[in-house]
Amino acid sequence: MPCDCSFRALLRARIRAVRAALPGGALPARARAALRPTDGRTADGQPADGRPSDGRPTDGQPADRRPRSDALMRNGHVLAASSIVAAGLGGFFWLLATRYYAVETVGRSYAALSAAMFLSTLGSLNLGDALVRFVPAAGRHTRGLVLRCYVISIGFSAAVAVGFLLLVPLVAPDLVFLRGPVLAVAFVAATAGYSVFVLQDGALTGTRRTGWVLGENAVFAVTKAVLLAACAVLAVSSGIMLAWAAAMLVSIGLANIVLFRRAVPDHQAAGPADAEPPQRVLRWAGADYLGNLFSFASYSVVPLMVLAQLGPEGSAYYSLAFVIAETLFVATFSMGHSLVVEGARDPQRLAEYARRMLRHTGLLLAGAVLVIVAGARLILGVFGPGYAEHGTTVLRLMALCALPVAVINVVIQMARVRRALPWMIGVRVASSAMVITLVAVLLPRYGLTGVGLAWLIAEYVLAAGLLLVLRGWLRTADRTDTDRTDTDPTDTEPTDTGRTRKDPTDTELTEGGEPA
């Protein structure tokens, strides 16, 4: 035909026009039955399940708007709950450890496990977050992507653990006992295993199986508490580390059975058959890894500054306030992973998802902050009168930091989806630099209150600047969405069936000027 369209496509367009002109906007039932095609489509040319064949809205709304939008908040809530449950049950484990074991044993075990988790974080190269970003659009390449990340993470984590054991007499003399033959092998295995423990959360999140993220964290916490009690009854001297490692193995086994038998096959089957393998994953992971190191620097350097200036007591008061406030920060960033997953699945709706995430997390955090600010003295009083007297102000100030963190979180997660590598690094560099600088200035003069003010000023100043960036990104995304909608092929336009489908962000330029 002159317009290069099939007669069938023009007929469907004509039927839609007639339908729109009728009162009520619908054809009579008999006419719909007569015009219904035999290929499983409705009279207006759409699939029988109600989804539009060209991805366009029906009745003014995209067919997947409700399920996908619900997934954004539902999965975000589950991820936030998972982080809170892990923190709460993790504290309960150490509370039990203090009841069953001597202080010296608890101290050595805590230091050893903290070292294993820290080394695993360094060796995993942040590939867990990379799986959150790239699994949603990986399609049939999902299994290979997850396994490659596993192999890389296990190898690097084991190498870092071996290096640590070689240097342990210099960097941590109190952990020299880990150099024994059995404990050395166990330490390396635990470090490598914990990297898998982290990566499986990213893979499950990317396949939208967030319920299992919550489940395997709960299994890990409950199992290690039960095993700890059993080790105490049997008088096992290394029971704390043994219970932790055994529970981790149980959790890894269960989670990966679900991951590779159900989540990955279902995800690959639902994805496009012609999906291309994810590109530049290691480059993305390297940029995100560098940004995370700067965030870790502010979390680690400030306690050392407080310890040097105010001594062990001041450090204890600050640390407890920070742990309570950090729960809000961690829950916020955990919810942000849902934004990455849904944005990677459907980049054209990233602006919509970002607005919903910002509004929703802001409301939730406002309520949580109000509770902590009002009840700070009562909360700290549970741990002793000294904590209530010296830590109330700093806890209130740090809790107020959660509100700007909602803005920072959305910017970082959007940058991850857009592959804006300079923003992925720069936001966290700016935050770390401002916090450490302000603490150095305010701590000597105002004590713990100065530390709280330093965090508050840094986060609000950074969030205020990022609001301008965020507004620009949302407008750009909206314009991009409109342009794509206007130029999408319709039933009356030819489509290029020879073009393979890939991650829609792969051909875009980010705000940072980097290829997407």
Protein backbone atom coordinates (compact mmCIF):
# COMPACT_ATOMS: atom_id res chain seq x y z
CA MET A 1 0.00 0.00 0.00
CA PRO A 2 1.20 3.61 -0.53
CA CYS A 3 1.86 4.11 3.19
CA ASP A 4 3.73 0.78 3.47
CA CYS A 5 1.08 -0.42 5.96
CA SER A 6 -0.78 -3.68 5.80
CA PHE A 7 -4.51 -3.68 5.12
CA ARG A 8 -5.01 -5.42 8.45
CA ALA A 9 -3.27 -2.55 10.32
CA LEU A 10 -5.44 0.06 8.58
CA LEU A 11 -8.58 -1.94 9.33
CA ARG A 12 -7.73 -2.07 13.04
CA ALA A 13 -7.11 1.68 13.04
CA ARG A 14 -10.50 2.27 11.38
CA ILE A 15 -12.25 0.05 13.94
CA ARG A 16 -10.70 2.06 16.79
CA ALA A 17 -11.88 5.30 15.20
CA VAL A 18 -15.44 3.99 14.87
CA ARG A 19 -15.36 2.74 18.44
CA ALA A 20 -14.27 6.16 19.73
CA ALA A 21 -17.12 7.87 17.84
CA LEU A 22 -19.84 5.67 19.35
CA PRO A 23 -21.66 6.76 22.54
CA GLY A 24 -19.84 5.27 25.49
CA GLY A 25 -16.77 4.62 23.38
CA ALA A 26 -17.47 0.93 22.71
CA LEU A 27 -18.84 -1.23 19.91
CA PRO A 28 -21.93 -3.39 20.53
CA ALA A 29 -21.14 -6.88 21.75
CA ARG A 30 -22.38 -8.49 18.49
CA ALA A 31 -20.18 -6.18 16.40
CA ARG A 32 -17.17 -6.87 18.61
CA ALA A 33 -17.72 -10.60 18.21
CA ALA A 34 -17.99 -10.27 14.44
CA LEU A 35 -14.84 -8.20 14.18
CA ARG A 36 -12.74 -10.21 16.66
CA PRO A 37 -9.68 -11.57 14.88
CA THR A 38 -8.74 -15.22 15.16
CA ASP A 39 -5.22 -14.65 16.53
CA GLY A 40 -6.19 -14.07 20.15
CA ARG A 41 -6.66 -10.29 19.78
CA THR A 42 -9.66 -8.16 20.58
CA ALA A 43 -11.71 -6.22 18.08
CA ASP A 44 -9.50 -3.16 18.39
CA GLY A 45 -6.40 -5.14 17.55
CA GLN A 46 -5.11 -5.51 21.09
CA PRO A 47 -4.11 -8.77 22.76
CA ALA A 48 -6.96 -10.61 24.44
CA ASP A 49 -5.40 -10.06 27.89
CA GLY A 50 -6.08 -6.32 27.56
CA ARG A 51 -2.50 -5.22 26.99
CA PRO A 52 -1.95 -3.02 23.93
CA SER A 53 0.00 -4.62 21.12
CA ASP A 54 2.19 -1.55 20.63
CA GLY A 55 2.68 -0.70 24.29
CA ARG A 56 0.36 2.31 24.12
CA PRO A 57 -2.13 3.25 26.84
CA THR A 58 -5.62 1.80 26.92
CA ASP A 59 -8.33 4.00 28.39
CA GLY A 60 -5.73 6.65 29.06
CA GLN A 61 -3.42 4.42 31.18
CA PRO A 62 -0.60 2.05 30.25
CA ALA A 63 -1.74 -1.51 30.82
CA ASP A 64 1.24 -2.24 33.09
CA ARG A 65 0.99 0.97 35.08
CA ARG A 66 -0.76 -0.53 38.11
CA PRO A 67 1.27 -3.74 38.46
CA ARG A 68 4.61 -2.07 37.78
CA SER A 69 3.89 0.89 40.07
CA ASP A 70 2.70 -1.45 42.79
CA ALA A 71 5.91 -3.48 42.38
CA LEU A 72 7.97 -0.34 42.91
CA MET A 73 6.52 0.35 46.35
CA ARG A 74 5.87 -3.25 47.35
CA ASN A 75 9.41 -4.39 46.65
CA GLY A 76 10.80 -1.22 48.19
CA HIS A 77 8.91 -1.89 51.42
CA VAL A 78 10.12 -5.50 51.52
CA LEU A 79 13.75 -4.45 51.00
CA ALA A 80 13.50 -1.81 53.70
CA ALA A 81 11.93 -4.35 56.05
CA SER A 82 14.70 -6.80 55.24
CA SER A 83 17.39 -4.32 56.25
CA ILE A 84 15.58 -3.48 59.49
CA VAL A 85 15.02 -7.15 60.34
CA ALA A 86 18.67 -7.96 59.62
CA ALA A 87 19.83 -5.13 61.88
CA GLY A 88 17.42 -6.02 64.69
CA LEU A 89 18.05 -9.77 64.69
CA GLY A 90 21.77 -9.18 64.26
CA GLY A 91 21.78 -7.16 67.47
CA PHE A 92 19.86 -9.95 69.20
CA PHE A 93 22.56 -12.45 68.14
CA TRP A 94 25.27 -10.39 69.82
CA LEU A 95 23.09 -9.90 72.87
CA LEU A 96 22.90 -13.69 73.19
CA ALA A 97 26.65 -13.96 72.64
CA THR A 98 27.31 -11.67 75.61
CA ARG A 99 25.13 -13.94 77.76
CA TYR A 100 26.79 -17.21 76.75
CA TYR A 101 30.46 -16.26 76.30
CA ALA A 102 33.15 -14.30 78.11
CA VAL A 103 33.84 -10.71 77.12
CA GLU A 104 37.24 -11.62 75.65
CA THR A 105 35.72 -14.31 73.42
CA VAL A 106 32.97 -11.99 72.26
CA GLY A 107 35.50 -9.28 71.47
CA ARG A 108 37.79 -11.55 69.45
CA SER A 109 34.88 -13.15 67.58
CA TYR A 110 33.30 -9.79 66.76
CA ALA A 111 36.62 -8.46 65.46
CA ALA A 112 37.18 -11.57 63.31
CA LEU A 113 33.68 -11.53 61.80
CA SER A 114 33.83 -7.78 61.23
CA ALA A 115 37.14 -8.26 59.41
CA ALA A 116 35.63 -11.02 57.24
CA MET A 117 32.64 -8.86 56.29
CA PHE A 118 34.83 -5.82 55.61
CA LEU A 119 37.24 -7.80 53.43
CA SER A 120 34.32 -9.37 51.61
CA THR A 121 32.92 -5.91 50.91
CA LEU A 122 36.26 -4.88 49.43
CA GLY A 123 36.61 -8.07 47.40
CA SER A 124 33.06 -8.23 46.05
CA LEU A 125 33.73 -5.09 43.96
CA ASN A 126 30.15 -3.94 44.55
CA LEU A 127 28.87 -6.53 42.09
CA GLY A 128 25.77 -7.03 44.24
CA ASP A 129 24.52 -3.59 43.27
CA ALA A 130 25.58 -4.29 39.69
CA LEU A 131 23.22 -7.28 39.64
CA VAL A 132 20.40 -5.05 40.91
CA ARG A 133 21.06 -2.72 37.98
CA PHE A 134 21.69 -5.18 35.12
CA VAL A 135 19.68 -8.31 35.90
CA PRO A 136 16.27 -6.69 35.18
CA ALA A 137 17.15 -6.23 31.48
CA ALA A 138 19.53 -9.19 31.08
CA GLY A 139 16.87 -11.59 29.76
CA ARG A 140 18.35 -14.92 28.67
CA HIS A 141 21.81 -13.81 29.82
CA THR A 142 20.78 -13.59 33.48
CA ARG A 143 22.21 -16.93 34.62
CA GLY A 144 25.58 -16.27 32.99
CA LEU A 145 25.74 -12.74 34.43
CA VAL A 146 25.02 -13.93 37.97
CA LEU A 147 27.53 -16.81 37.77
CA ARG A 148 30.29 -14.57 36.40
CA CYS A 149 29.73 -12.10 39.21
CA TYR A 150 29.85 -14.96 41.71
CA VAL A 151 33.17 -16.22 40.35
CA ILE A 152 34.78 -12.77 40.26
CA SER A 153 33.57 -11.87 43.73
CA ILE A 154 34.62 -15.18 45.30
CA GLY A 155 38.07 -14.96 43.72
CA PHE A 156 38.77 -11.38 44.77
CA SER A 157 37.34 -11.84 48.27
CA ALA A 158 39.46 -14.95 48.88
CA ALA A 159 42.57 -13.15 47.61
CA VAL A 160 41.93 -10.18 49.90
CA ALA A 161 41.40 -12.53 52.87
CA VAL A 162 44.70 -14.32 52.17
CA GLY A 163 46.49 -10.97 51.97
CA PHE A 164 44.96 -9.93 55.28
CA LEU A 165 46.14 -13.13 56.99
CA LEU A 166 49.67 -12.54 55.72
CA LEU A 167 49.66 -9.02 57.17
CA VAL A 168 47.63 -9.71 60.30
CA PRO A 169 50.63 -9.50 62.69
CA LEU A 170 51.13 -5.91 61.53
CA VAL A 171 47.55 -4.64 61.03
CA ALA A 172 45.64 -6.62 63.68
CA PRO A 173 47.90 -8.45 66.17
CA ASP A 174 44.92 -9.52 68.29
CA LEU A 175 43.69 -11.68 65.40
CA VAL A 176 46.89 -13.69 64.99
CA PHE A 177 44.96 -16.77 66.14
CA LEU A 178 43.29 -16.79 62.71
CA ARG A 179 46.57 -17.91 61.13
CA GLY A 180 46.16 -21.46 62.42
CA PRO A 181 45.68 -24.01 59.59
CA VAL A 182 42.02 -24.76 60.25
CA LEU A 183 40.96 -21.24 61.20
CA ALA A 184 42.86 -19.73 58.26
CA VAL A 185 40.99 -21.89 55.74
CA ALA A 186 37.70 -21.22 57.52
CA PHE A 187 38.36 -17.47 57.54
CA VAL A 188 39.10 -17.36 53.81
CA ALA A 189 36.02 -19.49 53.07
CA ALA A 190 33.81 -17.31 55.28
CA THR A 191 35.04 -14.15 53.56
CA ALA A 192 34.39 -15.58 50.10
CA GLY A 193 31.05 -17.01 51.21
CA TYR A 194 29.84 -13.70 52.57
CA SER A 195 30.43 -12.14 49.15
CA VAL A 196 27.99 -14.69 47.70
CA PHE A 197 25.59 -13.92 50.54
CA VAL A 198 25.59 -10.26 49.44
CA LEU A 199 25.44 -10.98 45.70
CA GLN A 200 22.46 -13.33 46.01
CA ASP A 201 20.46 -10.46 47.52
CA GLY A 202 21.26 -8.38 44.44
CA ALA A 203 20.26 -11.18 42.07
CA LEU A 204 17.00 -11.87 43.90
CA THR A 205 16.20 -8.16 43.94
CA GLY A 206 16.92 -7.86 40.22
CA THR A 207 14.50 -10.71 39.48
CA ARG A 208 11.91 -9.04 41.75
CA ARG A 209 12.00 -11.88 44.31
CA THR A 210 12.41 -9.47 47.20
CA GLY A 211 10.35 -11.66 49.50
CA TRP A 212 13.18 -14.15 49.43
CA VAL A 213 15.67 -11.41 50.33
CA LEU A 214 13.68 -10.84 53.49
CA GLY A 215 13.27 -14.60 54.00
CA GLU A 216 16.92 -15.57 53.66
CA ASN A 217 18.02 -12.75 55.96
CA ALA A 218 15.50 -13.96 58.55
CA VAL A 219 16.68 -17.57 58.10
CA PHE A 220 20.29 -16.46 58.59
CA ALA A 221 19.49 -14.50 61.75
CA VAL A 222 17.30 -17.17 63.36
CA THR A 223 19.62 -20.06 62.44
CA LYS A 224 22.74 -18.43 63.84
CA ALA A 225 20.91 -17.65 67.11
CA VAL A 226 19.78 -21.29 67.46
CA LEU A 227 23.23 -22.62 66.61
CA LEU A 228 24.83 -20.19 69.04
CA ALA A 229 22.69 -21.55 71.87
CA ALA A 230 23.59 -25.13 70.86
CA CYS A 231 27.31 -24.30 70.79
CA ALA A 232 27.04 -22.72 74.22
CA VAL A 233 25.36 -25.84 75.63
CA LEU A 234 28.11 -28.00 74.10
CA ALA A 235 30.81 -25.62 75.42
CA VAL A 236 32.29 -24.97 71.96
CA SER A 237 34.90 -22.25 72.48
CA SER A 238 34.61 -20.87 68.94
CA GLY A 239 30.82 -21.17 68.96
CA ILE A 240 30.16 -17.56 67.92
CA MET A 241 32.12 -17.83 64.69
CA LEU A 242 30.95 -21.38 64.03
CA ALA A 243 27.27 -20.47 64.45
CA TRP A 244 27.66 -17.43 62.18
CA ALA A 245 29.45 -19.38 59.42
CA ALA A 246 27.11 -22.38 59.51
CA ALA A 247 24.00 -20.17 59.40
CA MET A 248 25.46 -18.31 56.43
CA LEU A 249 25.97 -21.60 54.55
CA VAL A 250 22.37 -22.62 55.24
CA SER A 251 21.07 -19.27 54.00
CA ILE A 252 23.26 -19.36 50.88
CA GLY A 253 22.10 -22.86 50.03
CA LEU A 254 18.40 -22.10 50.37
CA ALA A 255 18.60 -18.75 48.56
CA ASN A 256 20.52 -20.13 45.59
CA ILE A 257 18.16 -23.07 45.19
CA VAL A 258 15.34 -20.55 44.83
CA LEU A 259 17.47 -18.29 42.66
CA PHE A 260 18.63 -20.81 40.07
CA ARG A 261 15.66 -23.19 40.07
CA ARG A 262 12.87 -20.64 40.05
CA ALA A 263 13.80 -16.96 39.96
CA VAL A 264 16.37 -17.01 37.14
CA PRO A 265 14.48 -19.45 34.84
CA ASP A 266 11.24 -17.49 35.26
CA HIS A 267 13.04 -14.21 34.66
CA GLN A 268 14.76 -15.50 31.53
CA ALA A 269 11.50 -16.93 30.17
CA ALA A 270 9.71 -13.61 30.71
CA GLY A 271 12.47 -11.56 29.08
CA PRO A 272 12.91 -10.86 25.37
CA ALA A 273 14.46 -13.72 23.42
CA ASP A 274 16.72 -11.30 21.51
CA ALA A 275 18.08 -9.42 24.55
CA GLU A 276 21.75 -8.54 24.20
CA PRO A 277 24.20 -9.27 27.04
CA PRO A 278 24.72 -6.35 29.45
CA GLN A 279 27.54 -4.06 28.42
CA ARG A 280 30.26 -2.37 30.53
CA VAL A 281 29.13 -3.99 33.77
CA LEU A 282 32.57 -3.89 35.38
CA ARG A 283 33.02 -0.25 34.45
CA TRP A 284 29.71 0.62 36.08
CA ALA A 285 30.53 -1.52 39.13
CA GLY A 286 33.95 0.14 39.45
CA ALA A 287 32.43 3.62 39.54
CA ASP A 288 29.79 2.59 42.06
CA TYR A 289 32.43 0.79 44.13
CA LEU A 290 34.56 3.93 44.29
CA GLY A 291 31.55 5.98 45.40
CA ASN A 292 30.75 3.45 48.13
CA LEU A 293 34.31 3.65 49.42
CA PHE A 294 33.86 7.37 50.04
CA SER A 295 30.60 6.73 51.89
CA PHE A 296 32.37 4.12 53.96
CA ALA A 297 35.13 6.65 54.69
CA SER A 298 32.73 9.08 56.35
CA TYR A 299 31.14 6.28 58.39
CA SER A 300 34.58 5.06 59.56
CA VAL A 301 36.62 8.25 59.93
CA VAL A 302 34.13 10.23 62.03
CA PRO A 303 34.05 7.66 64.90
CA LEU A 304 37.85 7.74 64.99
CA MET A 305 37.78 11.54 65.19
CA VAL A 306 35.27 11.38 68.04
CA LEU A 307 37.37 8.77 69.85
CA ALA A 308 40.50 10.89 69.55
CA GLN A 309 38.76 14.05 70.75
CA LEU A 310 36.27 12.81 73.37
CA GLY A 311 37.67 9.43 74.44
CA PRO A 312 35.95 6.04 74.72
CA GLU A 313 32.86 7.37 76.52
CA GLY A 314 32.17 10.02 73.90
CA SER A 315 32.74 7.42 71.19
CA ALA A 316 30.19 5.09 72.83
CA TYR A 317 27.54 7.82 73.04
CA TYR A 318 28.09 8.81 69.40
CA SER A 319 28.21 5.23 68.10
CA LEU A 320 24.85 4.29 69.60
CA ALA A 321 23.17 7.42 68.24
CA PHE A 322 24.68 6.76 64.82
CA VAL A 323 23.56 3.11 64.77
CA ILE A 324 19.95 4.14 65.49
CA ALA A 325 19.95 6.92 62.87
CA GLU A 326 21.79 4.77 60.34
CA THR A 327 18.87 2.33 60.37
CA LEU A 328 16.81 5.01 58.64
CA PHE A 329 19.58 5.65 56.10
CA VAL A 330 20.01 1.96 55.28
CA ALA A 331 16.26 1.40 54.94
CA THR A 332 16.03 4.38 52.57
CA PHE A 333 18.81 3.14 50.30
CA SER A 334 17.39 -0.39 50.41
CA MET A 335 14.07 0.97 49.13
CA GLY A 336 16.02 2.76 46.42
CA HIS A 337 17.07 -0.59 44.93
CA SER A 338 13.46 -1.06 43.87
CA LEU A 339 13.72 2.19 41.89
CA VAL A 340 16.82 0.82 40.13
CA VAL A 341 15.08 -2.45 39.25
CA GLU A 342 11.92 -0.86 37.88
CA GLY A 343 13.85 1.93 36.15
CA ALA A 344 16.14 -0.59 34.46
CA ARG A 345 13.10 -2.59 33.31
CA ASP A 346 11.31 0.47 31.96
CA PRO A 347 13.65 3.49 31.58
CA GLN A 348 10.94 5.54 29.89
CA ARG A 349 9.08 5.72 33.20
CA LEU A 350 12.10 6.46 35.36
CA ALA A 351 10.90 10.01 36.11
CA GLU A 352 7.51 8.75 37.26
CA TYR A 353 9.10 6.12 39.48
CA ALA A 354 11.55 8.64 40.93
CA ARG A 355 8.78 11.06 41.87
CA ARG A 356 6.80 8.29 43.55
CA MET A 357 9.85 7.05 45.44
CA LEU A 358 10.78 10.53 46.62
CA ARG A 359 7.26 11.33 47.79
CA HIS A 360 6.74 7.96 49.47
CA THR A 361 10.09 7.72 51.26
CA GLY A 362 9.78 11.35 52.34
CA LEU A 363 6.44 10.66 54.03
CA LEU A 364 7.68 7.49 55.70
CA LEU A 365 10.87 9.14 56.92
CA ALA A 366 8.98 12.16 58.25
CA GLY A 367 6.96 9.89 60.53
CA ALA A 368 10.01 7.91 61.67
CA VAL A 369 12.04 11.07 62.30
CA LEU A 370 9.21 12.57 64.34
CA VAL A 371 9.11 9.46 66.55
CA ILE A 372 12.88 9.43 67.12
CA VAL A 373 13.14 13.18 67.76
CA ALA A 374 10.28 13.07 70.25
CA GLY A 375 11.42 9.88 71.98
CA ALA A 376 15.21 10.18 71.73
CA ARG A 377 15.75 10.47 75.47
CA LEU A 378 13.48 7.50 76.21
CA ILE A 379 15.11 5.38 73.49
CA LEU A 380 18.63 6.04 74.77
CA GLY A 381 17.53 5.70 78.36
CA VAL A 382 17.04 1.97 77.75
CA PHE A 383 20.83 1.69 77.42
CA GLY A 384 21.59 3.72 80.52
CA PRO A 385 21.23 7.25 81.93
CA GLY A 386 24.61 8.31 80.53
CA TYR A 387 23.48 7.62 76.97
CA ALA A 388 20.28 9.60 77.50
CA GLU A 389 22.13 12.53 79.00
CA HIS A 390 24.95 12.83 76.45
CA GLY A 391 23.50 11.29 73.29
CA THR A 392 19.99 12.73 73.01
CA THR A 393 20.93 15.88 71.08
CA VAL A 394 23.22 14.15 68.61
CA LEU A 395 20.61 11.45 67.99
CA ARG A 396 17.95 14.05 67.23
CA LEU A 397 20.25 15.93 64.86
CA MET A 398 21.28 12.77 63.03
CA ALA A 399 17.69 11.56 62.77
CA LEU A 400 16.81 14.83 61.03
CA CYS A 401 19.46 13.96 58.43
CA ALA A 402 17.20 11.19 57.15
CA LEU A 403 14.95 13.70 55.36
CA PRO A 404 17.62 15.02 52.94
CA VAL A 405 18.90 11.45 52.55
CA ALA A 406 15.62 10.74 50.69
CA VAL A 407 16.67 13.25 48.01
CA ILE A 408 20.25 11.99 47.88
CA ASN A 409 19.01 8.42 47.56
CA VAL A 410 16.79 9.18 44.55
CA VAL A 411 19.60 11.05 42.78
CA ILE A 412 22.07 8.20 43.31
CA GLN A 413 19.57 5.56 42.19
CA MET A 414 18.62 7.56 39.09
CA ALA A 415 22.31 7.99 38.31
CA ARG A 416 22.73 4.23 38.57
CA VAL A 417 19.92 3.61 36.09
CA ARG A 418 21.15 6.33 33.73
CA ARG A 419 24.77 5.15 34.13
CA ALA A 420 25.81 8.68 35.02
CA LEU A 421 29.19 7.57 36.36
CA PRO A 422 30.46 11.02 37.47
CA TRP A 423 27.29 11.55 39.52
CA MET A 424 27.51 8.07 41.02
CA ILE A 425 30.93 8.97 42.38
CA GLY A 426 30.66 12.72 42.86
CA VAL A 427 27.59 12.78 45.12
CA ARG A 428 29.22 10.50 47.67
CA VAL A 429 32.59 12.24 47.42
CA ALA A 430 30.90 15.56 48.18
CA SER A 431 28.96 14.13 51.12
CA SER A 432 32.02 12.49 52.66
CA ALA A 433 34.22 15.55 52.20
CA MET A 434 31.67 17.94 53.73
CA VAL A 435 30.92 15.69 56.71
CA ILE A 436 34.56 15.07 57.62
CA THR A 437 35.52 18.73 57.15
CA LEU A 438 32.63 20.05 59.24
CA VAL A 439 33.27 17.48 62.00
CA ALA A 440 36.91 18.60 62.14
CA VAL A 441 35.75 22.22 62.56
CA LEU A 442 32.77 21.76 64.93
CA LEU A 443 33.79 18.78 67.09
CA PRO A 444 36.50 20.56 69.13
CA ARG A 445 34.20 23.45 69.94
CA TYR A 446 30.78 21.86 70.40
CA GLY A 447 31.54 18.21 71.19
CA LEU A 448 28.94 15.62 70.17
CA THR A 449 26.47 18.36 69.31
CA GLY A 450 29.03 19.62 66.79
CA VAL A 451 29.18 16.17 65.19
CA GLY A 452 25.40 16.13 64.82
CA LEU A 453 25.43 19.63 63.36
CA ALA A 454 28.17 18.63 60.91
CA TRP A 455 26.06 15.76 59.56
CA LEU A 456 22.95 17.93 59.46
CA ILE A 457 24.56 20.84 57.61
CA ALA A 458 26.35 18.60 55.12
CA GLU A 459 23.29 16.53 54.21
CA TYR A 460 20.90 19.48 53.88
CA VAL A 461 23.34 21.57 51.82
CA LEU A 462 24.03 18.61 49.51
CA ALA A 463 20.32 17.79 49.17
CA ALA A 464 19.47 21.41 48.36
CA GLY A 465 21.98 21.41 45.50
CA LEU A 466 20.86 18.01 44.25
CA LEU A 467 17.23 19.14 44.14
CA LEU A 468 18.19 21.41 41.23
CA VAL A 469 19.86 18.49 39.47
CA LEU A 470 16.92 16.21 40.21
CA ARG A 471 14.41 18.68 38.77
CA GLY A 472 16.44 18.86 35.59
CA TRP A 473 16.68 15.10 35.32
CA LEU A 474 12.95 14.67 35.82
CA ARG A 475 12.15 17.27 33.16
CA THR A 476 14.64 15.68 30.77
CA ALA A 477 13.16 12.25 31.39
CA ASP A 478 9.64 13.56 30.86
CA ARG A 479 10.64 15.17 27.57
CA THR A 480 12.37 11.96 26.52
CA ASP A 481 9.27 9.96 27.37
CA THR A 482 7.09 12.32 25.33
CA ASP A 483 9.45 12.22 22.37
CA ARG A 484 9.57 8.44 22.46
CA THR A 485 5.80 8.18 22.70
CA ASP A 486 5.36 10.55 19.80
CA THR A 487 7.76 8.57 17.63
CA ASP A 488 6.81 5.06 18.69
CA PRO A 489 5.66 2.91 15.78
CA THR A 490 1.90 2.51 15.66
CA ASP A 491 -0.27 0.07 13.83
CA THR A 492 -0.19 2.38 10.82
CA GLU A 493 3.60 2.66 10.70
CA PRO A 494 6.20 0.09 9.67
CA THR A 495 8.39 -1.39 12.41
CA ASP A 496 11.99 -2.52 12.18
CA THR A 497 11.81 -6.18 13.07
CA GLY A 498 15.49 -6.73 12.39
CA ARG A 499 16.68 -4.60 15.28
CA THR A 500 17.56 -6.52 18.42
CA ARG A 501 16.29 -5.32 21.73
CA LYS A 502 18.70 -4.29 24.47
CA ASP A 503 18.87 -2.20 27.59
CA PRO A 504 17.29 1.11 26.50
CA THR A 505 19.91 3.11 28.36
CA ASP A 506 22.77 1.62 26.37
CA THR A 507 22.51 4.17 23.56
CA GLU A 508 21.88 7.27 25.63
CA LEU A 509 24.22 9.86 27.07
CA THR A 510 24.06 10.48 30.76
CA GLU A 511 23.97 13.84 32.47
CA GLY A 512 27.62 13.33 33.35
CA GLY A 513 28.52 13.10 29.68
CA GLU A 514 29.37 9.41 29.85
CA PRO A 515 27.99 6.96 27.36
CA ALA A 516 25.06 5.21 28.99
